[in-house]
Amino acid sequence: MGGIRNNAGEGLNIVIANDPQELLAYLKTLKPGNIVLVASYIDPTTKLTDEIRDIFSALGSTMVKSLKPRDSWVFAGAYGIKEARPFEKLIQNDMRNNAYEDWPEMGEVIGCFPRISENE
């Protein structure tokens, strides 16, 4: 999203990637300094190819490769983050412990995102 395509502006901007090709194309446009925010809904695993999971890992995710169907996953990441990444939470789908019958509870992360150098 951005001014070049004239598809973003002041206020809230939301991107929904419904197929792996669109998601991969979007992720490949990211540059150092861009921040990515992700919240899963229902089943994100059908959209996550190995290449997409590798990109999320490069953005700082330590949990994307263990994501399973119906897991709840939230993530904030960017290229160039050097310190520990407290900006990710994975709540696994477990029928014995789910908060909502077939679904785990909602994941949430809070905190101040570190400054990212665009030169890295």
PDB file of N, CA and C in Angstrom:
ATOM      1  N   MET A   1       0.847  -1.175   0.000  1.00  0.00           N
ATOM      2  CA  MET A   1       0.000   0.000   0.000  1.00  0.00           C
ATOM      3  C   MET A   1       0.886   1.229   0.000  1.00  0.00           C
ATOM      4  N   GLY A   2       0.454   2.263  -0.652  1.00  0.00           N
ATOM      5  CA  GLY A   2       1.228   3.484  -0.633  1.00  0.00           C
ATOM      6  C   GLY A   2       0.734   4.509  -1.627  1.00  0.00           C
ATOM      7  N   GLY A   3       1.395   5.654  -1.571  1.00  0.00           N
ATOM      8  CA  GLY A   3       1.027   6.765  -2.426  1.00  0.00           C
ATOM      9  C   GLY A   3       1.250   6.520  -3.902  1.00  0.00           C
ATOM     10  N   ILE A   4       2.225   5.685  -4.245  1.00  0.00           N
ATOM     11  CA  ILE A   4       2.509   5.413  -5.652  1.00  0.00           C
ATOM     12  C   ILE A   4       1.293   4.792  -6.337  1.00  0.00           C
ATOM     13  N   ARG A   5       0.642   3.884  -5.649  1.00  0.00           N
ATOM     14  CA  ARG A   5      -0.548   3.248  -6.213  1.00  0.00           C
ATOM     15  C   ARG A   5      -1.818   4.010  -5.865  1.00  0.00           C
ATOM     16  N   ASN A   6      -1.673   5.046  -5.068  1.00  0.00           N
ATOM     17  CA  ASN A   6      -2.804   5.846  -4.618  1.00  0.00           C
ATOM     18  C   ASN A   6      -3.873   4.977  -3.952  1.00  0.00           C
ATOM     19  N   ASN A   7      -3.420   4.006  -3.165  1.00  0.00           N
ATOM     20  CA  ASN A   7      -4.368   3.126  -2.501  1.00  0.00           C
ATOM     21  C   ASN A   7      -4.207   3.132  -0.979  1.00  0.00           C
ATOM     22  N   ALA A   8      -3.614   4.172  -0.459  1.00  0.00           N
ATOM     23  CA  ALA A   8      -3.471   4.315   0.981  1.00  0.00           C
ATOM     24  C   ALA A   8      -3.558   5.786   1.331  1.00  0.00           C
ATOM     25  N   GLY A   9      -3.966   6.055   2.529  1.00  0.00           N
ATOM     26  CA  GLY A   9      -4.082   7.441   2.931  1.00  0.00           C
ATOM     27  C   GLY A   9      -4.169   7.576   4.434  1.00  0.00           C
ATOM     28  N   GLU A  10      -4.509   8.767   4.878  1.00  0.00           N
ATOM     29  CA  GLU A  10      -4.619   9.032   6.306  1.00  0.00           C
ATOM     30  C   GLU A  10      -5.702   8.158   6.918  1.00  0.00           C
ATOM     31  N   GLY A  11      -5.516   7.827   8.174  1.00  0.00           N
ATOM     32  CA  GLY A  11      -6.489   6.988   8.860  1.00  0.00           C
ATOM     33  C   GLY A  11      -6.042   5.556   8.892  1.00  0.00           C
ATOM     34  N   LEU A  12      -6.973   4.658   8.766  1.00  0.00           N
ATOM     35  CA  LEU A  12      -6.685   3.229   8.823  1.00  0.00           C
ATOM     36  C   LEU A  12      -6.559   2.657   7.430  1.00  0.00           C
ATOM     37  N   ASN A  13      -5.510   1.900   7.198  1.00  0.00           N
ATOM     38  CA  ASN A  13      -5.308   1.215   5.928  1.00  0.00           C
ATOM     39  C   ASN A  13      -5.210  -0.270   6.220  1.00  0.00           C
ATOM     40  N   ILE A  14      -5.993  -1.047   5.512  1.00  0.00           N
ATOM     41  CA  ILE A  14      -6.086  -2.474   5.784  1.00  0.00           C
ATOM     42  C   ILE A  14      -5.811  -3.254   4.507  1.00  0.00           C
ATOM     43  N   VAL A  15      -4.999  -4.317   4.628  1.00  0.00           N
ATOM     44  CA  VAL A  15      -4.708  -5.192   3.504  1.00  0.00           C
ATOM     45  C   VAL A  15      -5.189  -6.592   3.858  1.00  0.00           C
ATOM     46  N   ILE A  16      -5.911  -7.198   2.960  1.00  0.00           N
ATOM     47  CA  ILE A  16      -6.311  -8.588   3.121  1.00  0.00           C
ATOM     48  C   ILE A  16      -5.713  -9.366   1.957  1.00  0.00           C
ATOM     49  N   ALA A  17      -4.923 -10.360   2.275  1.00  0.00           N
ATOM     50  CA  ALA A  17      -4.311 -11.191   1.230  1.00  0.00           C
ATOM     51  C   ALA A  17      -5.019 -12.542   1.242  1.00  0.00           C
ATOM     52  N   ASN A  18      -5.823 -12.798   0.218  1.00  0.00           N
ATOM     53  CA  ASN A  18      -6.632 -14.011   0.196  1.00  0.00           C
ATOM     54  C   ASN A  18      -6.043 -15.168  -0.571  1.00  0.00           C
ATOM     55  N   ASP A  19      -4.951 -14.958  -1.256  1.00  0.00           N
ATOM     56  CA  ASP A  19      -4.326 -16.116  -1.895  1.00  0.00           C
ATOM     57  C   ASP A  19      -2.819 -16.003  -1.783  1.00  0.00           C
ATOM     58  N   PRO A  20      -2.136 -17.151  -1.804  1.00  0.00           N
ATOM     59  CA  PRO A  20      -0.690 -17.153  -1.597  1.00  0.00           C
ATOM     60  C   PRO A  20       0.083 -16.300  -2.605  1.00  0.00           C
ATOM     61  N   GLN A  21      -0.360 -16.247  -3.854  1.00  0.00           N
ATOM     62  CA  GLN A  21       0.351 -15.458  -4.861  1.00  0.00           C
ATOM     63  C   GLN A  21       0.294 -13.963  -4.528  1.00  0.00           C
ATOM     64  N   GLU A  22      -0.881 -13.473  -4.133  1.00  0.00           N
ATOM     65  CA  GLU A  22      -1.014 -12.066  -3.749  1.00  0.00           C
ATOM     66  C   GLU A  22      -0.165 -11.761  -2.513  1.00  0.00           C
ATOM     67  N   LEU A  23      -0.217 -12.653  -1.526  1.00  0.00           N
ATOM     68  CA  LEU A  23       0.550 -12.459  -0.304  1.00  0.00           C
ATOM     69  C   LEU A  23       2.043 -12.445  -0.597  1.00  0.00           C
ATOM     70  N   LEU A  24       2.509 -13.397  -1.393  1.00  0.00           N
ATOM     71  CA  LEU A  24       3.929 -13.461  -1.733  1.00  0.00           C
ATOM     72  C   LEU A  24       4.365 -12.213  -2.496  1.00  0.00           C
ATOM     73  N   ALA A  25       3.557 -11.781  -3.455  1.00  0.00           N
ATOM     74  CA  ALA A  25       3.886 -10.572  -4.222  1.00  0.00           C
ATOM     75  C   ALA A  25       3.988  -9.366  -3.295  1.00  0.00           C
ATOM     76  N   TYR A  26       3.065  -9.249  -2.351  1.00  0.00           N
ATOM     77  CA  TYR A  26       3.107  -8.136  -1.399  1.00  0.00           C
ATOM     78  C   TYR A  26       4.359  -8.223  -0.523  1.00  0.00           C
ATOM     79  N   LEU A  27       4.635  -9.386   0.030  1.00  0.00           N
ATOM     80  CA  LEU A  27       5.795  -9.530   0.912  1.00  0.00           C
ATOM     81  C   LEU A  27       7.102  -9.216   0.194  1.00  0.00           C
ATOM     82  N   LYS A  28       7.172  -9.509  -1.101  1.00  0.00           N
ATOM     83  CA  LYS A  28       8.391  -9.235  -1.865  1.00  0.00           C
ATOM     84  C   LYS A  28       8.595  -7.744  -2.136  1.00  0.00           C
ATOM     85  N   THR A  29       7.578  -6.914  -1.887  1.00  0.00           N
ATOM     86  CA  THR A  29       7.735  -5.466  -2.063  1.00  0.00           C
ATOM     87  C   THR A  29       8.292  -4.795  -0.809  1.00  0.00           C
ATOM     88  N   LEU A  30       8.362  -5.517   0.299  1.00  0.00           N
ATOM     89  CA  LEU A  30       8.813  -4.915   1.557  1.00  0.00           C
ATOM     90  C   LEU A  30      10.276  -4.530   1.486  1.00  0.00           C
ATOM     91  N   LYS A  31      10.570  -3.405   2.105  1.00  0.00           N
ATOM     92  CA  LYS A  31      11.937  -2.881   2.160  1.00  0.00           C
ATOM     93  C   LYS A  31      12.332  -2.700   3.623  1.00  0.00           C
ATOM     94  N   PRO A  32      13.625  -2.653   3.907  1.00  0.00           N
ATOM     95  CA  PRO A  32      14.040  -2.369   5.285  1.00  0.00           C
ATOM     96  C   PRO A  32      13.359  -1.098   5.784  1.00  0.00           C
ATOM     97  N   GLY A  33      12.860  -1.161   7.003  1.00  0.00           N
ATOM     98  CA  GLY A  33      12.143  -0.034   7.579  1.00  0.00           C
ATOM     99  C   GLY A  33      10.638  -0.205   7.541  1.00  0.00           C
ATOM    100  N   ASN A  34      10.134  -1.066   6.644  1.00  0.00           N
ATOM    101  CA  ASN A  34       8.701  -1.357   6.620  1.00  0.00           C
ATOM    102  C   ASN A  34       8.355  -2.275   7.780  1.00  0.00           C
ATOM    103  N   ILE A  35       7.254  -1.996   8.431  1.00  0.00           N
ATOM    104  CA  ILE A  35       6.764  -2.821   9.530  1.00  0.00           C
ATOM    105  C   ILE A  35       5.579  -3.623   9.019  1.00  0.00           C
ATOM    106  N   VAL A  36       5.528  -4.889   9.368  1.00  0.00           N
ATOM    107  CA  VAL A  36       4.443  -5.776   8.958  1.00  0.00           C
ATOM    108  C   VAL A  36       3.672  -6.201  10.197  1.00  0.00           C
ATOM    109  N   LEU A  37       2.357  -6.048  10.151  1.00  0.00           N
ATOM    110  CA  LEU A  37       1.476  -6.488  11.228  1.00  0.00           C
ATOM    111  C   LEU A  37       0.578  -7.591  10.689  1.00  0.00           C
ATOM    112  N   VAL A  38       0.497  -8.701  11.405  1.00  0.00           N
ATOM    113  CA  VAL A  38      -0.269  -9.855  10.946  1.00  0.00           C
ATOM    114  C   VAL A  38      -1.170 -10.343  12.077  1.00  0.00           C
ATOM    115  N   ALA A  39      -2.408 -10.650  11.740  1.00  0.00           N
ATOM    116  CA  ALA A  39      -3.326 -11.320  12.659  1.00  0.00           C
ATOM    117  C   ALA A  39      -4.036 -12.401  11.865  1.00  0.00           C
ATOM    118  N   SER A  40      -3.955 -13.629  12.335  1.00  0.00           N
ATOM    119  CA  SER A  40      -4.596 -14.715  11.607  1.00  0.00           C
ATOM    120  C   SER A  40      -6.092 -14.731  11.886  1.00  0.00           C
ATOM    121  N   TYR A  41      -6.827 -15.325  10.951  1.00  0.00           N
ATOM    122  CA  TYR A  41      -8.263 -15.473  11.115  1.00  0.00           C
ATOM    123  C   TYR A  41      -8.675 -16.812  10.518  1.00  0.00           C
ATOM    124  N   ILE A  42      -9.287 -17.630  11.278  1.00  0.00           N
ATOM    125  CA  ILE A  42      -9.752 -18.979  10.952  1.00  0.00           C
ATOM    126  C   ILE A  42      -8.575 -19.905  10.657  1.00  0.00           C
ATOM    127  N   ASP A  43      -8.067 -19.961   9.428  1.00  0.00           N
ATOM    128  CA  ASP A  43      -6.969 -20.894   9.143  1.00  0.00           C
ATOM    129  C   ASP A  43      -5.974 -20.282   8.172  1.00  0.00           C
ATOM    130  N   PRO A  44      -4.924 -19.656   8.689  1.00  0.00           N
ATOM    131  CA  PRO A  44      -3.932 -19.040   7.814  1.00  0.00           C
ATOM    132  C   PRO A  44      -2.994 -20.035   7.138  1.00  0.00           C
ATOM    133  N   THR A  45      -2.962 -21.282   7.602  1.00  0.00           N
ATOM    134  CA  THR A  45      -1.963 -22.225   7.088  1.00  0.00           C
ATOM    135  C   THR A  45      -2.149 -22.542   5.608  1.00  0.00           C
ATOM    136  N   THR A  46      -3.367 -22.402   5.100  1.00  0.00           N
ATOM    137  CA  THR A  46      -3.599 -22.677   3.682  1.00  0.00           C
ATOM    138  C   THR A  46      -2.947 -21.625   2.798  1.00  0.00           C
ATOM    139  N   LYS A  47      -2.576 -20.480   3.362  1.00  0.00           N
ATOM    140  CA  LYS A  47      -1.962 -19.386   2.612  1.00  0.00           C
ATOM    141  C   LYS A  47      -0.441 -19.356   2.754  1.00  0.00           C
ATOM    142  N   LEU A  48       0.099 -20.184   3.646  1.00  0.00           N
ATOM    143  CA  LEU A  48       1.517 -20.086   3.987  1.00  0.00           C
ATOM    144  C   LEU A  48       2.356 -21.159   3.307  1.00  0.00           C
ATOM    145  N   THR A  49       2.907 -20.819   2.152  1.00  0.00           N
ATOM    146  CA  THR A  49       3.851 -21.715   1.490  1.00  0.00           C
ATOM    147  C   THR A  49       5.181 -21.667   2.250  1.00  0.00           C
ATOM    148  N   ASP A  50       6.082 -22.558   1.933  1.00  0.00           N
ATOM    149  CA  ASP A  50       7.405 -22.538   2.576  1.00  0.00           C
ATOM    150  C   ASP A  50       8.109 -21.204   2.310  1.00  0.00           C
ATOM    151  N   GLU A  51       7.984 -20.676   1.090  1.00  0.00           N
ATOM    152  CA  GLU A  51       8.633 -19.406   0.756  1.00  0.00           C
ATOM    153  C   GLU A  51       8.056 -18.257   1.582  1.00  0.00           C
ATOM    154  N   ILE A  52       6.752 -18.243   1.770  1.00  0.00           N
ATOM    155  CA  ILE A  52       6.112 -17.195   2.580  1.00  0.00           C
ATOM    156  C   ILE A  52       6.539 -17.333   4.033  1.00  0.00           C
ATOM    157  N   ARG A  53       6.584 -18.550   4.541  1.00  0.00           N
ATOM    158  CA  ARG A  53       7.043 -18.756   5.921  1.00  0.00           C
ATOM    159  C   ARG A  53       8.492 -18.287   6.084  1.00  0.00           C
ATOM    160  N   ASP A  54       9.340 -18.528   5.081  1.00  0.00           N
ATOM    161  CA  ASP A  54      10.731 -18.067   5.131  1.00  0.00           C
ATOM    162  C   ASP A  54      10.799 -16.544   5.198  1.00  0.00           C
ATOM    163  N   ILE A  55       9.948 -15.864   4.452  1.00  0.00           N
ATOM    164  CA  ILE A  55       9.944 -14.392   4.484  1.00  0.00           C
ATOM    165  C   ILE A  55       9.519 -13.895   5.861  1.00  0.00           C
ATOM    166  N   PHE A  56       8.462 -14.489   6.435  1.00  0.00           N
ATOM    167  CA  PHE A  56       8.057 -14.081   7.781  1.00  0.00           C
ATOM    168  C   PHE A  56       9.169 -14.349   8.786  1.00  0.00           C
ATOM    169  N   SER A  57       9.906 -15.439   8.614  1.00  0.00           N
ATOM    170  CA  SER A  57      11.050 -15.717   9.496  1.00  0.00           C
ATOM    171  C   SER A  57      12.110 -14.628   9.350  1.00  0.00           C
ATOM    172  N   ALA A  58      12.361 -14.196   8.123  1.00  0.00           N
ATOM    173  CA  ALA A  58      13.335 -13.125   7.890  1.00  0.00           C
ATOM    174  C   ALA A  58      12.868 -11.802   8.488  1.00  0.00           C
ATOM    175  N   LEU A  59      11.560 -11.642   8.627  1.00  0.00           N
ATOM    176  CA  LEU A  59      11.005 -10.436   9.250  1.00  0.00           C
ATOM    177  C   LEU A  59      11.032 -10.533  10.775  1.00  0.00           C
ATOM    178  N   GLY A  60      11.438 -11.689  11.297  1.00  0.00           N
ATOM    179  CA  GLY A  60      11.597 -11.834  12.736  1.00  0.00           C
ATOM    180  C   GLY A  60      10.729 -12.875  13.399  1.00  0.00           C
ATOM    181  N   SER A  61       9.855 -13.534  12.666  1.00  0.00           N
ATOM    182  CA  SER A  61       8.988 -14.534  13.290  1.00  0.00           C
ATOM    183  C   SER A  61       9.795 -15.767  13.693  1.00  0.00           C
ATOM    184  N   THR A  62       9.558 -16.221  14.905  1.00  0.00           N
ATOM    185  CA  THR A  62      10.153 -17.471  15.361  1.00  0.00           C
ATOM    186  C   THR A  62       9.095 -18.567  15.459  1.00  0.00           C
ATOM    187  N   MET A  63       7.827 -18.217  15.174  1.00  0.00           N
ATOM    188  CA  MET A  63       6.733 -19.165  15.354  1.00  0.00           C
ATOM    189  C   MET A  63       6.016 -19.554  14.067  1.00  0.00           C
ATOM    190  N   VAL A  64       6.216 -18.807  12.985  1.00  0.00           N
ATOM    191  CA  VAL A  64       5.450 -19.050  11.762  1.00  0.00           C
ATOM    192  C   VAL A  64       5.652 -20.458  11.214  1.00  0.00           C
ATOM    193  N   LYS A  65       6.810 -21.019  11.398  1.00  0.00           N
ATOM    194  CA  LYS A  65       7.067 -22.360  10.835  1.00  0.00           C
ATOM    195  C   LYS A  65       6.397 -23.467  11.635  1.00  0.00           C
ATOM    196  N   SER A  66       5.917 -23.172  12.841  1.00  0.00           N
ATOM    197  CA  SER A  66       5.209 -24.181  13.628  1.00  0.00           C
ATOM    198  C   SER A  66       3.698 -23.933  13.660  1.00  0.00           C
ATOM    199  N   LEU A  67       3.219 -22.991  12.885  1.00  0.00           N
ATOM    200  CA  LEU A  67       1.792 -22.667  12.811  1.00  0.00           C
ATOM    201  C   LEU A  67       1.011 -23.824  12.210  1.00  0.00           C
ATOM    202  N   LYS A  68      -0.078 -24.211  12.883  1.00  0.00           N
ATOM    203  CA  LYS A  68      -0.929 -25.325  12.441  1.00  0.00           C
ATOM    204  C   LYS A  68      -2.350 -24.807  12.191  1.00  0.00           C
ATOM    205  N   PRO A  69      -3.188 -25.630  11.526  1.00  0.00           N
ATOM    206  CA  PRO A  69      -4.564 -25.199  11.268  1.00  0.00           C
ATOM    207  C   PRO A  69      -5.297 -24.756  12.538  1.00  0.00           C
ATOM    208  N   ARG A  70      -6.036 -23.685  12.405  1.00  0.00           N
ATOM    209  CA  ARG A  70      -6.872 -23.088  13.459  1.00  0.00           C
ATOM    210  C   ARG A  70      -6.088 -22.490  14.609  1.00  0.00           C
ATOM    211  N   ASP A  71      -4.762 -22.421  14.524  1.00  0.00           N
ATOM    212  CA  ASP A  71      -3.996 -21.721  15.549  1.00  0.00           C
ATOM    213  C   ASP A  71      -4.299 -20.231  15.455  1.00  0.00           C
ATOM    214  N   SER A  72      -4.152 -19.547  16.569  1.00  0.00           N
ATOM    215  CA  SER A  72      -4.297 -18.095  16.605  1.00  0.00           C
ATOM    216  C   SER A  72      -2.896 -17.496  16.650  1.00  0.00           C
ATOM    217  N   TRP A  73      -2.574 -16.626  15.680  1.00  0.00           N
ATOM    218  CA  TRP A  73      -1.214 -16.074  15.554  1.00  0.00           C
ATOM    219  C   TRP A  73      -1.283 -14.584  15.277  1.00  0.00           C
ATOM    220  N   VAL A  74      -0.546 -13.821  16.062  1.00  0.00           N
ATOM    221  CA  VAL A  74      -0.362 -12.392  15.806  1.00  0.00           C
ATOM    222  C   VAL A  74       1.127 -12.116  15.772  1.00  0.00           C
ATOM    223  N   PHE A  75       1.521 -11.176  14.905  1.00  0.00           N
ATOM    224  CA  PHE A  75       2.939 -10.932  14.688  1.00  0.00           C
ATOM    225  C   PHE A  75       3.151  -9.506  14.200  1.00  0.00           C
ATOM    226  N   ALA A  76       4.169  -8.869  14.720  1.00  0.00           N
ATOM    227  CA  ALA A  76       4.648  -7.582  14.217  1.00  0.00           C
ATOM    228  C   ALA A  76       6.130  -7.748  13.967  1.00  0.00           C
ATOM    229  N   GLY A  77       6.564  -7.450  12.746  1.00  0.00           N
ATOM    230  CA  GLY A  77       7.962  -7.650  12.417  1.00  0.00           C
ATOM    231  C   GLY A  77       8.452  -6.714  11.344  1.00  0.00           C
ATOM    232  N   ALA A  78       9.750  -6.770  11.106  1.00  0.00           N
ATOM    233  CA  ALA A  78      10.382  -5.936  10.083  1.00  0.00           C
ATOM    234  C   ALA A  78      11.792  -6.454   9.842  1.00  0.00           C
ATOM    235  N   TYR A  79      12.294  -6.217   8.644  1.00  0.00           N
ATOM    236  CA  TYR A  79      13.693  -6.517   8.377  1.00  0.00           C
ATOM    237  C   TYR A  79      14.547  -5.592   9.243  1.00  0.00           C
ATOM    238  N   GLY A  80      15.607  -6.109   9.821  1.00  0.00           N
ATOM    239  CA  GLY A  80      16.550  -5.272  10.542  1.00  0.00           C
ATOM    240  C   GLY A  80      16.364  -5.205  12.040  1.00  0.00           C
ATOM    241  N   ILE A  81      15.404  -5.926  12.609  1.00  0.00           N
ATOM    242  CA  ILE A  81      15.267  -5.928  14.066  1.00  0.00           C
ATOM    243  C   ILE A  81      16.375  -6.809  14.635  1.00  0.00           C
ATOM    244  N   LYS A  82      17.169  -6.256  15.532  1.00  0.00           N
ATOM    245  CA  LYS A  82      18.323  -6.991  16.055  1.00  0.00           C
ATOM    246  C   LYS A  82      18.055  -7.650  17.409  1.00  0.00           C
ATOM    247  N   GLU A  83      17.179  -7.046  18.226  1.00  0.00           N
ATOM    248  CA  GLU A  83      16.975  -7.571  19.572  1.00  0.00           C
ATOM    249  C   GLU A  83      15.906  -8.659  19.600  1.00  0.00           C
ATOM    250  N   ALA A  84      15.676  -9.185  20.808  1.00  0.00           N
ATOM    251  CA  ALA A  84      14.645 -10.207  20.974  1.00  0.00           C
ATOM    252  C   ALA A  84      13.310  -9.671  20.467  1.00  0.00           C
ATOM    253  N   ARG A  85      12.469 -10.558  19.994  1.00  0.00           N
ATOM    254  CA  ARG A  85      11.220 -10.150  19.352  1.00  0.00           C
ATOM    255  C   ARG A  85      10.014 -10.531  20.208  1.00  0.00           C
ATOM    256  N   PRO A  86       9.576  -9.625  21.077  1.00  0.00           N
ATOM    257  CA  PRO A  86       8.399  -9.917  21.903  1.00  0.00           C
ATOM    258  C   PRO A  86       7.092  -9.612  21.177  1.00  0.00           C
ATOM    259  N   PHE A  87       7.155  -9.450  19.867  1.00  0.00           N
ATOM    260  CA  PHE A  87       6.007  -8.999  19.096  1.00  0.00           C
ATOM    261  C   PHE A  87       5.350 -10.140  18.331  1.00  0.00           C
ATOM    262  N   GLU A  88       5.182 -11.270  19.010  1.00  0.00           N
ATOM    263  CA  GLU A  88       4.578 -12.416  18.374  1.00  0.00           C
ATOM    264  C   GLU A  88       3.949 -13.299  19.436  1.00  0.00           C
ATOM    265  N   LYS A  89       2.776 -13.828  19.105  1.00  0.00           N
ATOM    266  CA  LYS A  89       2.132 -14.764  20.016  1.00  0.00           C
ATOM    267  C   LYS A  89       1.411 -15.824  19.190  1.00  0.00           C
ATOM    268  N   LEU A  90       1.600 -17.064  19.580  1.00  0.00           N
ATOM    269  CA  LEU A  90       0.954 -18.200  18.935  1.00  0.00           C
ATOM    270  C   LEU A  90       0.173 -18.949  20.002  1.00  0.00           C
ATOM    271  N   ILE A  91      -1.122 -19.101  19.768  1.00  0.00           N
ATOM    272  CA  ILE A  91      -1.954 -19.892  20.667  1.00  0.00           C
ATOM    273  C   ILE A  91      -2.427 -21.095  19.860  1.00  0.00           C
ATOM    274  N   GLN A  92      -1.943 -22.251  20.245  1.00  0.00           N
ATOM    275  CA  GLN A  92      -2.226 -23.452  19.468  1.00  0.00           C
ATOM    276  C   GLN A  92      -3.648 -23.943  19.680  1.00  0.00           C
ATOM    277  N   ASN A  93      -4.215 -24.454  18.601  1.00  0.00           N
ATOM    278  CA  ASN A  93      -5.537 -25.063  18.639  1.00  0.00           C
ATOM    279  C   ASN A  93      -5.428 -26.385  19.390  1.00  0.00           C
ATOM    280  N   ASP A  94      -6.103 -26.473  20.516  1.00  0.00           N
ATOM    281  CA  ASP A  94      -6.090 -27.680  21.334  1.00  0.00           C
ATOM    282  C   ASP A  94      -7.499 -27.859  21.891  1.00  0.00           C
ATOM    283  N   MET A  95      -8.210 -28.849  21.395  1.00  0.00           N
ATOM    284  CA  MET A  95      -9.614 -29.047  21.771  1.00  0.00           C
ATOM    285  C   MET A  95      -9.813 -29.163  23.283  1.00  0.00           C
ATOM    286  N   ARG A  96      -8.812 -29.588  24.022  1.00  0.00           N
ATOM    287  CA  ARG A  96      -8.943 -29.706  25.484  1.00  0.00           C
ATOM    288  C   ARG A  96      -8.858 -28.365  26.178  1.00  0.00           C
ATOM    289  N   ASN A  97      -8.164 -27.390  25.530  1.00  0.00           N
ATOM    290  CA  ASN A  97      -7.925 -26.106  26.192  1.00  0.00           C
ATOM    291  C   ASN A  97      -8.465 -24.891  25.448  1.00  0.00           C
ATOM    292  N   ASN A  98      -9.111 -25.084  24.313  1.00  0.00           N
ATOM    293  CA  ASN A  98      -9.611 -23.962  23.530  1.00  0.00           C
ATOM    294  C   ASN A  98     -10.590 -23.110  24.331  1.00  0.00           C
ATOM    295  N   ALA A  99     -10.546 -21.826  24.104  1.00  0.00           N
ATOM    296  CA  ALA A  99     -11.449 -20.904  24.777  1.00  0.00           C
ATOM    297  C   ALA A  99     -12.837 -20.917  24.149  1.00  0.00           C
ATOM    298  N   TYR A 100     -12.908 -21.205  22.863  1.00  0.00           N
ATOM    299  CA  TYR A 100     -14.168 -21.123  22.124  1.00  0.00           C
ATOM    300  C   TYR A 100     -14.434 -22.422  21.376  1.00  0.00           C
ATOM    301  N   GLU A 101     -14.694 -23.494  22.082  1.00  0.00           N
ATOM    302  CA  GLU A 101     -14.971 -24.808  21.516  1.00  0.00           C
ATOM    303  C   GLU A 101     -13.896 -25.241  20.520  1.00  0.00           C
ATOM    304  N   ASP A 102     -14.131 -25.028  19.211  1.00  0.00           N
ATOM    305  CA  ASP A 102     -13.165 -25.466  18.201  1.00  0.00           C
ATOM    306  C   ASP A 102     -12.044 -24.471  17.961  1.00  0.00           C
ATOM    307  N   TRP A 103     -12.002 -23.378  18.696  1.00  0.00           N
ATOM    308  CA  TRP A 103     -11.048 -22.299  18.397  1.00  0.00           C
ATOM    309  C   TRP A 103     -10.304 -21.861  19.657  1.00  0.00           C
ATOM    310  N   PRO A 104      -9.010 -21.580  19.520  1.00  0.00           N
ATOM    311  CA  PRO A 104      -8.254 -21.065  20.669  1.00  0.00           C
ATOM    312  C   PRO A 104      -8.617 -19.611  20.940  1.00  0.00           C
ATOM    313  N   GLU A 105      -8.159 -19.126  22.075  1.00  0.00           N
ATOM    314  CA  GLU A 105      -8.412 -17.722  22.413  1.00  0.00           C
ATOM    315  C   GLU A 105      -7.678 -16.787  21.455  1.00  0.00           C
ATOM    316  N   MET A 106      -8.038 -15.520  21.517  1.00  0.00           N
ATOM    317  CA  MET A 106      -7.421 -14.495  20.684  1.00  0.00           C
ATOM    318  C   MET A 106      -6.006 -14.204  21.189  1.00  0.00           C
ATOM    319  N   GLY A 107      -5.080 -14.018  20.273  1.00  0.00           N
ATOM    320  CA  GLY A 107      -3.720 -13.640  20.632  1.00  0.00           C
ATOM    321  C   GLY A 107      -3.578 -12.130  20.626  1.00  0.00           C
ATOM    322  N   GLU A 108      -2.708 -11.620  21.466  1.00  0.00           N
ATOM    323  CA  GLU A 108      -2.497 -10.180  21.551  1.00  0.00           C
ATOM    324  C   GLU A 108      -1.039  -9.912  21.904  1.00  0.00           C
ATOM    325  N   VAL A 109      -0.456  -8.912  21.266  1.00  0.00           N
ATOM    326  CA  VAL A 109       0.872  -8.441  21.627  1.00  0.00           C
ATOM    327  C   VAL A 109       0.793  -6.944  21.857  1.00  0.00           C
ATOM    328  N   ILE A 110       1.552  -6.469  22.817  1.00  0.00           N
ATOM    329  CA  ILE A 110       1.591  -5.031  23.089  1.00  0.00           C
ATOM    330  C   ILE A 110       3.039  -4.628  23.309  1.00  0.00           C
ATOM    331  N   GLY A 111       3.302  -3.353  23.170  1.00  0.00           N
ATOM    332  CA  GLY A 111       4.643  -2.866  23.424  1.00  0.00           C
ATOM    333  C   GLY A 111       5.030  -1.767  22.470  1.00  0.00           C
ATOM    334  N   CYS A 112       6.212  -1.278  22.619  1.00  0.00           N
ATOM    335  CA  CYS A 112       6.750  -0.229  21.746  1.00  0.00           C
ATOM    336  C   CYS A 112       7.679  -0.885  20.737  1.00  0.00           C
ATOM    337  N   PHE A 113       7.382  -0.688  19.470  1.00  0.00           N
ATOM    338  CA  PHE A 113       8.182  -1.279  18.408  1.00  0.00           C
ATOM    339  C   PHE A 113       9.497  -0.517  18.314  1.00  0.00           C
ATOM    340  N   PRO A 114      10.629  -1.222  18.204  1.00  0.00           N
ATOM    341  CA  PRO A 114      11.925  -0.531  18.142  1.00  0.00           C
ATOM    342  C   PRO A 114      12.101   0.205  16.834  1.00  0.00           C
ATOM    343  N   ARG A 115      12.928   1.238  16.862  1.00  0.00           N
ATOM    344  CA  ARG A 115      13.262   1.977  15.649  1.00  0.00           C
ATOM    345  C   ARG A 115      14.035   1.041  14.727  1.00  0.00           C
ATOM    346  N   ILE A 116      13.678   1.066  13.455  1.00  0.00           N
ATOM    347  CA  ILE A 116      14.319   0.220  12.456  1.00  0.00           C
ATOM    348  C   ILE A 116      15.137   1.105  11.531  1.00  0.00           C
ATOM    349  N   SER A 117      16.386   0.720  11.335  1.00  0.00           N
ATOM    350  CA  SER A 117      17.226   1.458  10.407  1.00  0.00           C
ATOM    351  C   SER A 117      16.917   1.049   8.989  1.00  0.00           C
ATOM    352  N   GLU A 118      16.652   2.006   8.101  1.00  0.00           N
ATOM    353  CA  GLU A 118      16.357   1.691   6.710  1.00  0.00           C
ATOM    354  C   GLU A 118      17.612   1.307   5.941  1.00  0.00           C
ATOM    355  N   ASN A 119      18.779   1.478   6.535  1.00  0.00           N
ATOM    356  CA  ASN A 119      20.041   1.167   5.859  1.00  0.00           C
ATOM    357  C   ASN A 119      20.489  -0.271   6.078  1.00  0.00           C
ATOM    358  N   GLU A 120      19.779  -1.021   6.894  1.00  0.00           N
ATOM    359  CA  GLU A 120      20.211  -2.392   7.204  1.00  0.00           C
ATOM    360  C   GLU A 120      19.592  -3.376   6.259  1.00  0.00           C
TER     361      GLU A 120
END
